[in-house]
Each structure stands twice: as structure tokens, then as C-alpha cells.
Amino acid sequence: MIGGNAANNEVHTQPMNEINTTPLVDVMLVLLVIFIITAPLLTHAVKIDLPQATSQPLPEKPEVISVAIDAAGRMYWNDVPLVDGEIKVKLAQIADQKPQPELNIRADKETRYQILASVMADAQNAGVTKLGFVSEPQH
């Protein structure tokens, strides 16, 4: 009897050779059922009527006209010298254009304010609505 008891009480020192796949199969079947149920929901799209829109082309940027005034009071229209009184004619021409060009005034720092004021007044009287000043930043 001692021999029989010794055989039943042996401690297994070797690892098991077989893997229990039953829990793995159970998990895989559960995942399969979940994917079967959720897959049609992912491909379902909501049917809507999208509005139709027409787009307008972007307006072209207007031309930029540069009026330069040097320290002596001489004026230049896009770097072309002007004679006295010609500035009023040029300003009237650009005021009638569609789209109206932008007028940029570049003046020497020694230019008298009276000359700048007269150019701005002439531009306003001609009907120019887009007026800007060009300067250089200090270093």
C-alpha cells in the first residue's frame, strides 16, 4: 500500500505539454459576434441633401500708384517726373477707374507739410478713396 500511495502523491515537476484552448475559443466567438453586430452600423451613412453653392471669383487687387515727393517739392508719378498741375489731371484719371487704384505717397523727410497737404487735398477733391503713406522703419 505504501507503493500505491506514493504513486498518487507524486509532485509533478514537469510543465504541462498541452494548452487549454477552450477559453481562447470562447473569447474569439464573443468577439466575432460583437463584430458581426457592429459592422453594419459602421458602414451605414446618413442620407442628406447637401446645398448647392456658387462661388464668386475673388476681386482682383487694384493697381498701386506711387507718388513720390522729394525734399525740393518735385513730384514723381510711378518714378516719372511730373510738371506743375499735372498731378490733378492724373488723380482725376485714377478716380474714374474701376476698381480704383490705391494711391501711395512717399515723401522725403525734409518735404514741407504744405506740399503733402495739397497733394492729399487734390486727391480728395478728385475722388480718390484709397490713400496710403509709405515710410521706412527705424533701425
C-alpha atoms as a PDB file:
ATOM      1  CA  MET A   1       0.000   0.000   0.000  1.00  0.00           C
ATOM      2  CA  ILE A   2       2.802   2.282   0.550  1.00  0.00           C
ATOM      3  CA  GLY A   3       3.808   1.984  -3.060  1.00  0.00           C
ATOM      4  CA  GLY A   4       0.266   2.794  -4.207  1.00  0.00           C
ATOM      5  CA  ASN A   5       0.083   5.874  -2.034  1.00  0.00           C
ATOM      6  CA  ALA A   6       3.442   7.070  -3.197  1.00  0.00           C
ATOM      7  CA  ALA A   7       2.318   6.925  -6.828  1.00  0.00           C
ATOM      8  CA  ASN A   8      -0.792   9.052  -6.121  1.00  0.00           C
ATOM      9  CA  ASN A   9       1.076  11.639  -4.056  1.00  0.00           C
ATOM     10  CA  GLU A  10       3.834  12.369  -6.581  1.00  0.00           C
ATOM     11  CA  VAL A  11       4.510  16.020  -7.233  1.00  0.00           C
ATOM     12  CA  HIS A  12       4.515  16.988 -10.902  1.00  0.00           C
ATOM     13  CA  THR A  13       7.829  18.656 -11.620  1.00  0.00           C
ATOM     14  CA  GLN A  14       7.465  18.810 -15.395  1.00  0.00           C
ATOM     15  CA  PRO A  15       5.443  21.586 -17.125  1.00  0.00           C
ATOM     16  CA  MET A  16       2.216  20.654 -18.879  1.00  0.00           C
ATOM     17  CA  ASN A  17       2.584  19.861 -22.590  1.00  0.00           C
ATOM     18  CA  GLU A  18      -0.938  20.893 -23.575  1.00  0.00           C
ATOM     19  CA  ILE A  19      -2.561  24.372 -23.735  1.00  0.00           C
ATOM     20  CA  ASN A  20      -6.184  24.646 -22.790  1.00  0.00           C
ATOM     21  CA  THR A  21      -7.731  26.412 -25.823  1.00  0.00           C
ATOM     22  CA  THR A  22     -11.318  26.458 -24.615  1.00  0.00           C
ATOM     23  CA  PRO A  23     -11.144  29.979 -23.048  1.00  0.00           C
ATOM     24  CA  LEU A  24      -9.407  31.257 -26.191  1.00  0.00           C
ATOM     25  CA  VAL A  25     -12.166  29.891 -28.428  1.00  0.00           C
ATOM     26  CA  ASP A  26     -14.822  31.393 -26.144  1.00  0.00           C
ATOM     27  CA  VAL A  27     -13.257  34.858 -26.320  1.00  0.00           C
ATOM     28  CA  MET A  28     -12.864  34.636 -30.095  1.00  0.00           C
ATOM     29  CA  LEU A  29     -16.512  33.669 -30.550  1.00  0.00           C
ATOM     30  CA  VAL A  30     -17.651  36.580 -28.391  1.00  0.00           C
ATOM     31  CA  LEU A  31     -15.509  38.988 -30.417  1.00  0.00           C
ATOM     32  CA  LEU A  32     -16.832  37.538 -33.668  1.00  0.00           C
ATOM     33  CA  VAL A  33     -20.428  38.086 -32.543  1.00  0.00           C
ATOM     34  CA  ILE A  34     -19.631  41.675 -31.500  1.00  0.00           C
ATOM     35  CA  PHE A  35     -18.022  42.440 -34.880  1.00  0.00           C
ATOM     36  CA  ILE A  36     -20.913  40.882 -36.776  1.00  0.00           C
ATOM     37  CA  ILE A  37     -23.362  43.091 -34.913  1.00  0.00           C
ATOM     38  CA  THR A  38     -21.364  46.358 -35.136  1.00  0.00           C
ATOM     39  CA  ALA A  39     -20.013  46.092 -38.712  1.00  0.00           C
ATOM     40  CA  PRO A  40     -23.269  47.136 -40.432  1.00  0.00           C
ATOM     41  CA  LEU A  41     -23.542  50.153 -38.127  1.00  0.00           C
ATOM     42  CA  LEU A  42     -20.128  51.443 -39.212  1.00  0.00           C
ATOM     43  CA  THR A  43     -20.956  51.380 -42.917  1.00  0.00           C
ATOM     44  CA  HIS A  44     -24.373  52.997 -42.549  1.00  0.00           C
ATOM     45  CA  ALA A  45     -24.332  56.620 -43.724  1.00  0.00           C
ATOM     46  CA  VAL A  46     -26.940  59.264 -43.078  1.00  0.00           C
ATOM     47  CA  LYS A  47     -28.652  60.385 -46.279  1.00  0.00           C
ATOM     48  CA  ILE A  48     -28.778  64.181 -46.532  1.00  0.00           C
ATOM     49  CA  ASP A  49     -29.283  66.663 -49.337  1.00  0.00           C
ATOM     50  CA  LEU A  50     -26.286  68.984 -49.448  1.00  0.00           C
ATOM     51  CA  PRO A  51     -26.935  72.542 -50.559  1.00  0.00           C
ATOM     52  CA  GLN A  52     -25.524  73.690 -53.877  1.00  0.00           C
ATOM     53  CA  ALA A  53     -23.458  76.868 -53.765  1.00  0.00           C
ATOM     54  CA  THR A  54     -21.893  79.022 -56.409  1.00  0.00           C
ATOM     55  CA  SER A  55     -18.751  80.906 -55.669  1.00  0.00           C
ATOM     56  CA  GLN A  56     -17.801  84.301 -56.934  1.00  0.00           C
ATOM     57  CA  PRO A  57     -14.272  84.907 -58.187  1.00  0.00           C
ATOM     58  CA  LEU A  58     -12.101  86.881 -55.828  1.00  0.00           C
ATOM     59  CA  PRO A  59     -11.867  90.532 -56.763  1.00  0.00           C
ATOM     60  CA  GLU A  60      -8.609  91.488 -58.364  1.00  0.00           C
ATOM     61  CA  LYS A  61      -6.213  93.558 -56.328  1.00  0.00           C
ATOM     62  CA  PRO A  62      -6.269  97.141 -57.512  1.00  0.00           C
ATOM     63  CA  GLU A  63      -3.279  98.746 -59.101  1.00  0.00           C
ATOM     64  CA  VAL A  64      -0.940 100.642 -56.783  1.00  0.00           C
ATOM     65  CA  ILE A  65       0.137 104.124 -57.887  1.00  0.00           C
ATOM     66  CA  SER A  66       3.157 105.659 -56.188  1.00  0.00           C
ATOM     67  CA  VAL A  67       3.514 109.428 -55.828  1.00  0.00           C
ATOM     68  CA  ALA A  68       6.982 110.401 -54.614  1.00  0.00           C
ATOM     69  CA  ILE A  69       7.818 113.874 -53.349  1.00  0.00           C
ATOM     70  CA  ASP A  70      11.443 114.865 -52.850  1.00  0.00           C
ATOM     71  CA  ALA A  71      12.825 117.464 -50.425  1.00  0.00           C
ATOM     72  CA  ALA A  72      12.581 120.241 -53.047  1.00  0.00           C
ATOM     73  CA  GLY A  73       8.868 119.516 -53.600  1.00  0.00           C
ATOM     74  CA  ARG A  74       9.222 117.861 -57.034  1.00  0.00           C
ATOM     75  CA  MET A  75       6.639 115.128 -57.637  1.00  0.00           C
ATOM     76  CA  TYR A  76       7.043 111.776 -59.376  1.00  0.00           C
ATOM     77  CA  TRP A  77       4.187 109.560 -60.641  1.00  0.00           C
ATOM     78  CA  ASN A  78       5.476 105.951 -60.520  1.00  0.00           C
ATOM     79  CA  ASP A  79       9.016 107.388 -60.672  1.00  0.00           C
ATOM     80  CA  VAL A  80       8.209 109.592 -63.721  1.00  0.00           C
ATOM     81  CA  PRO A  81       8.659 113.330 -63.052  1.00  0.00           C
ATOM     82  CA  LEU A  82       5.501 115.480 -63.150  1.00  0.00           C
ATOM     83  CA  VAL A  83       5.176 119.104 -64.175  1.00  0.00           C
ATOM     84  CA  ASP A  84       3.186 121.604 -62.100  1.00  0.00           C
ATOM     85  CA  GLY A  85      -0.574 120.968 -62.242  1.00  0.00           C
ATOM     86  CA  GLU A  86      -0.248 117.551 -63.879  1.00  0.00           C
ATOM     87  CA  ILE A  87      -0.927 115.783 -60.553  1.00  0.00           C
ATOM     88  CA  LYS A  88      -4.560 116.965 -60.550  1.00  0.00           C
ATOM     89  CA  VAL A  89      -5.171 115.523 -64.028  1.00  0.00           C
ATOM     90  CA  LYS A  90      -3.599 112.161 -63.066  1.00  0.00           C
ATOM     91  CA  LEU A  91      -5.610 111.990 -59.828  1.00  0.00           C
ATOM     92  CA  ALA A  92      -8.855 112.658 -61.725  1.00  0.00           C
ATOM     93  CA  GLN A  93      -7.983 109.843 -64.160  1.00  0.00           C
ATOM     94  CA  ILE A  94      -7.420 107.238 -61.437  1.00  0.00           C
ATOM     95  CA  ALA A  95     -10.525 108.338 -59.513  1.00  0.00           C
ATOM     96  CA  ASP A  96     -12.686 107.324 -62.506  1.00  0.00           C
ATOM     97  CA  GLN A  97     -11.153 103.829 -62.851  1.00  0.00           C
ATOM     98  CA  LYS A  98     -12.965 100.709 -61.604  1.00  0.00           C
ATOM     99  CA  PRO A  99     -11.582  99.265 -59.369  1.00  0.00           C
ATOM    100  CA  GLN A 100      -9.963 102.413 -58.150  1.00  0.00           C
ATOM    101  CA  PRO A 101      -6.168 102.164 -57.798  1.00  0.00           C
ATOM    102  CA  GLU A 102      -4.557 102.666 -54.418  1.00  0.00           C
ATOM    103  CA  LEU A 103      -2.502 105.835 -54.116  1.00  0.00           C
ATOM    104  CA  ASN A 104       0.689 105.564 -52.029  1.00  0.00           C
ATOM    105  CA  ILE A 105       2.522 108.744 -51.106  1.00  0.00           C
ATOM    106  CA  ARG A 106       6.261 108.521 -50.459  1.00  0.00           C
ATOM    107  CA  ALA A 107       7.686 111.805 -49.194  1.00  0.00           C
ATOM    108  CA  ASP A 108      11.183 112.793 -48.199  1.00  0.00           C
ATOM    109  CA  LYS A 109      11.502 113.580 -44.501  1.00  0.00           C
ATOM    110  CA  GLU A 110      12.509 117.158 -45.395  1.00  0.00           C
ATOM    111  CA  THR A 111       9.370 117.739 -47.509  1.00  0.00           C
ATOM    112  CA  ARG A 112       7.232 120.633 -46.314  1.00  0.00           C
ATOM    113  CA  TYR A 113       3.885 119.664 -44.835  1.00  0.00           C
ATOM    114  CA  GLN A 114       2.125 122.215 -47.054  1.00  0.00           C
ATOM    115  CA  ILE A 115       3.056 120.194 -50.164  1.00  0.00           C
ATOM    116  CA  LEU A 116       1.786 116.952 -48.604  1.00  0.00           C
ATOM    117  CA  ALA A 117      -1.442 118.647 -47.546  1.00  0.00           C
ATOM    118  CA  SER A 118      -2.027 119.983 -51.054  1.00  0.00           C
ATOM    119  CA  VAL A 119      -1.486 116.521 -52.618  1.00  0.00           C
ATOM    120  CA  MET A 120      -3.926 114.958 -50.123  1.00  0.00           C
ATOM    121  CA  ALA A 121      -6.483 117.727 -50.782  1.00  0.00           C
ATOM    122  CA  ASP A 122      -6.127 117.269 -54.558  1.00  0.00           C
ATOM    123  CA  ALA A 123      -6.653 113.505 -54.144  1.00  0.00           C
ATOM    124  CA  GLN A 124      -9.756 114.050 -52.027  1.00  0.00           C
ATOM    125  CA  ASN A 125     -11.175 116.640 -54.460  1.00  0.00           C
ATOM    126  CA  ALA A 126     -10.580 114.251 -57.382  1.00  0.00           C
ATOM    127  CA  GLY A 127     -12.468 111.474 -55.568  1.00  0.00           C
ATOM    128  CA  VAL A 128      -9.589 109.158 -54.638  1.00  0.00           C
ATOM    129  CA  THR A 129     -10.712 106.983 -51.712  1.00  0.00           C
ATOM    130  CA  LYS A 130      -7.671 104.761 -51.165  1.00  0.00           C
ATOM    131  CA  LEU A 131      -4.700 106.728 -49.920  1.00  0.00           C
ATOM    132  CA  GLY A 132      -1.664 105.476 -48.018  1.00  0.00           C
ATOM    133  CA  PHE A 133       1.721 106.661 -46.816  1.00  0.00           C
ATOM    134  CA  VAL A 134       4.953 104.740 -47.318  1.00  0.00           C
ATOM    135  CA  SER A 135       7.756 105.021 -44.793  1.00  0.00           C
ATOM    136  CA  GLU A 136      10.819 103.082 -43.716  1.00  0.00           C
ATOM    137  CA  PRO A 137      11.129 101.636 -40.218  1.00  0.00           C
ATOM    138  CA  GLN A 138      13.829 102.975 -37.921  1.00  0.00           C
ATOM    139  CA  HIS A 139      16.712 100.626 -37.171  1.00  0.00           C
END
